Amino acid sequence: MSFDFGSQFNHPPQETDTNMVERKSSSDMSLDPEVNNNKPSVLEEEGEKKKGGGGYKYKDNSKKIDVEKKQEINQNDEAFLDDPEGEIYNIFYPFDFKTEDMKNEKNIIEMDSKTLQRMKDTIWGKEAETKDIDRWYQQGFGFVPHEEMGFGLLQLHGGPCGILASVQGFVLRELLFDPLLKVQLKNESDTPVIVTDQQKTEALTRSLHKILLKCAIDKHNLPWIVALDNKGSKVWYRVHETPEKLRQQVEESMPLLQSAVGVVAFLFSIVMARSFDILLSEVDDPNNLWSCHIYALKNTTHVMTNVHRFGHCSQELVNLVLSGRAVSNTHDGDKAFGSNESMSQADIGNAKDLFILKGIGPNQEIGFLTSLEVMGYTKVGEHYKTPKYPIWVIGSSSHYSVVFALDENVGKISVEDAEQVSVRRAFTIYDQLEHGFIQFRDLNLLLSDLGIKLDFDLSDCRVLLDPDNTQVIVWVQFWKFFQQLKHPEKLKWECKQCTFQNPLNKKNCEVCDDLKGSQPIILFDEDTAKETNKSKSETKAPKNFTMYHFNGLRQTKKDRPLLTKLRVFDEADIEAPPPGIAEELTGLIRTKWPYAIVEYSGPFAPKVD
């Protein structure tokens, strides 16, 4: 049966759950850390097959490594790291299933060859190198086998880091901020998150379920890959009619998700849920996608970076997982180019002859920061910089990792700051290139967008907003003016004859009866505005706080999973010196907290590449 990604799903009636392929469910496992303290059952000897399908385990050449002894080993011991018998890589097993079982299931559909090829072309392109694709077929969703980093997803190779880091963000959201999971949290500690197998499996299940629902265009047609071979030449999927049935399927698919094709299976699922047509409509330039091998989801050829050499995820794929939309940009909302007139967001949405740069919508749960902003190549909007939870995926020039805090108030902004962000967003509609100024002629439109009606003529504002008569208004001047407009009763004009300061609504001087004429507005004391706004500040974000950086790259001599405790000081009155090459993480953090000073503890500097 074929699968039409551009239309509604065609699928047979759902049968009872007893017809599903047998998989071990996590639903019967206790989430209470007091009940289950057993170690993962993945420490099996190499070559021994794990029951129920795929899975992951240590590679130790049949030589088990004592966990306590392993913790005592100095991480700088190069002999240990170079010794093949001492390597503690996680190896993801091939997914073990029987083709006949798939064919005999009436509500499981085999993906036709044409659709499958389009899927691969969409993700990897027609000219991608085999070694790049092979890395994706060696990566499952498995956790780092160390207690201090047991919450973290392990990455074996470069390539799928964008998906892993994004999923990691959602896993942390569940572990840190859902008290029902009863996760042991220790802020300020070097081991901040202590989890059981059941807790992290439950968090992973919830995360993958929520991400697919976020991506799905139809909540009653929810596709999920249930089996595929080790090269993706045969793929089977099931379509669910309710989120509840999808949730059960995710639970039962854990052996597949933890196998060598786990990440690919999930990627196929979210692409199916979003559909090819919608994906192509969300990227900036769909006409150019196929010629550069679907730049939308994975850069593999002639892209103006070194990404194509390593097969890393693109921004579109990261945005798809984080926000549910495969847009190409990280700024707030949509921006239009090609018009001489300034346009509102509503006008942009109805535009037909303009080039629209699609951005990120509001209310994001997980944030995003990028080194491209440090280098001045892009701008991340507040929707990503100020997420609901203090968790940010961070993108360097060649890798994705995660920073997070246990204090939910970290990164929050006050009511006053939120107002400034909102006003700046409206200002940016008329400052498309974000140079920090708008044309004076756009002032009326901007004030209208902000719902402000003036009781005086704009000419009264010109000296204040455009003192040099340049016909432009810079952001600093406009924000100052906006603050004044919130207290119109305090605005005055000074009589030219007797210098008495009159209320703005008076056309004649109250002392000498002289006409106002073209006398400009006099601003009231700025301290008055500050005192008025103090009472509005409800959210008190900490100025000094602890964060953690997690990089899940495999443990080898050069790259290893690493959790680094960071101490962030955001109280500096002067800008800290620009970060050096070894301080790329500090530069990334300063895109959110511009004056932050960042210290790290431990023998190893945090590594973002």
Foldseek 3Di string as FASTA:
>chain_A
DEAALVDFGDFDDDDDPVLDDFFDFLPPPDLACVVDPDADPQADAPPDDDPRWKAKHFHQNRDGDDQVVVVVDDLQPQVLQPDSNNFGFIWIAWGDDDPVSQVPRRQKDKYDQVVLVVLCLQAQNPPFDPVLLLLLLGDFFAADRHQLGRLAGFRAAFAEQLVRQLLSLQLCCQQQPPCVSVWQADFPDSRGTGGHPSSSLVSSLVSLLVLLCLQAPAQQWQKFWQDAGSNRSITMIGTHGHSVVVSRSSRRSVSVRNHSNNVVRSVSRSCSRNGPVQQLVAEQDSVCQNVQRNLLWWGQDDDPACRNVNTYTAPQNSCCRQRNHSYRAQAEAKAWDDDPDQDDSVVVVVDDPTRIRGHGYAATAEAEFECCVLVPNHAHYPRRQQHQAQKYWYYYRRHIWIKHGSDRLASDDFPVVVVVSVLVVLVCSQVVVPPFKHFLVCPVVSCVVVVDDDPDDCLLCCCQQPVPPPRMGGNVSVVLVVLQSVCLQPKWFADPPPRDTHRPPDQADPPPRHGRPSTHIDGDDVVVSVVVCVVRTDRDRDQKGKMKIWDNYPSHSVDHTDIKIKIKHLPDPDADDDDDPLPSVVSRVCSSRVRIDMDIDDDDRDDRD
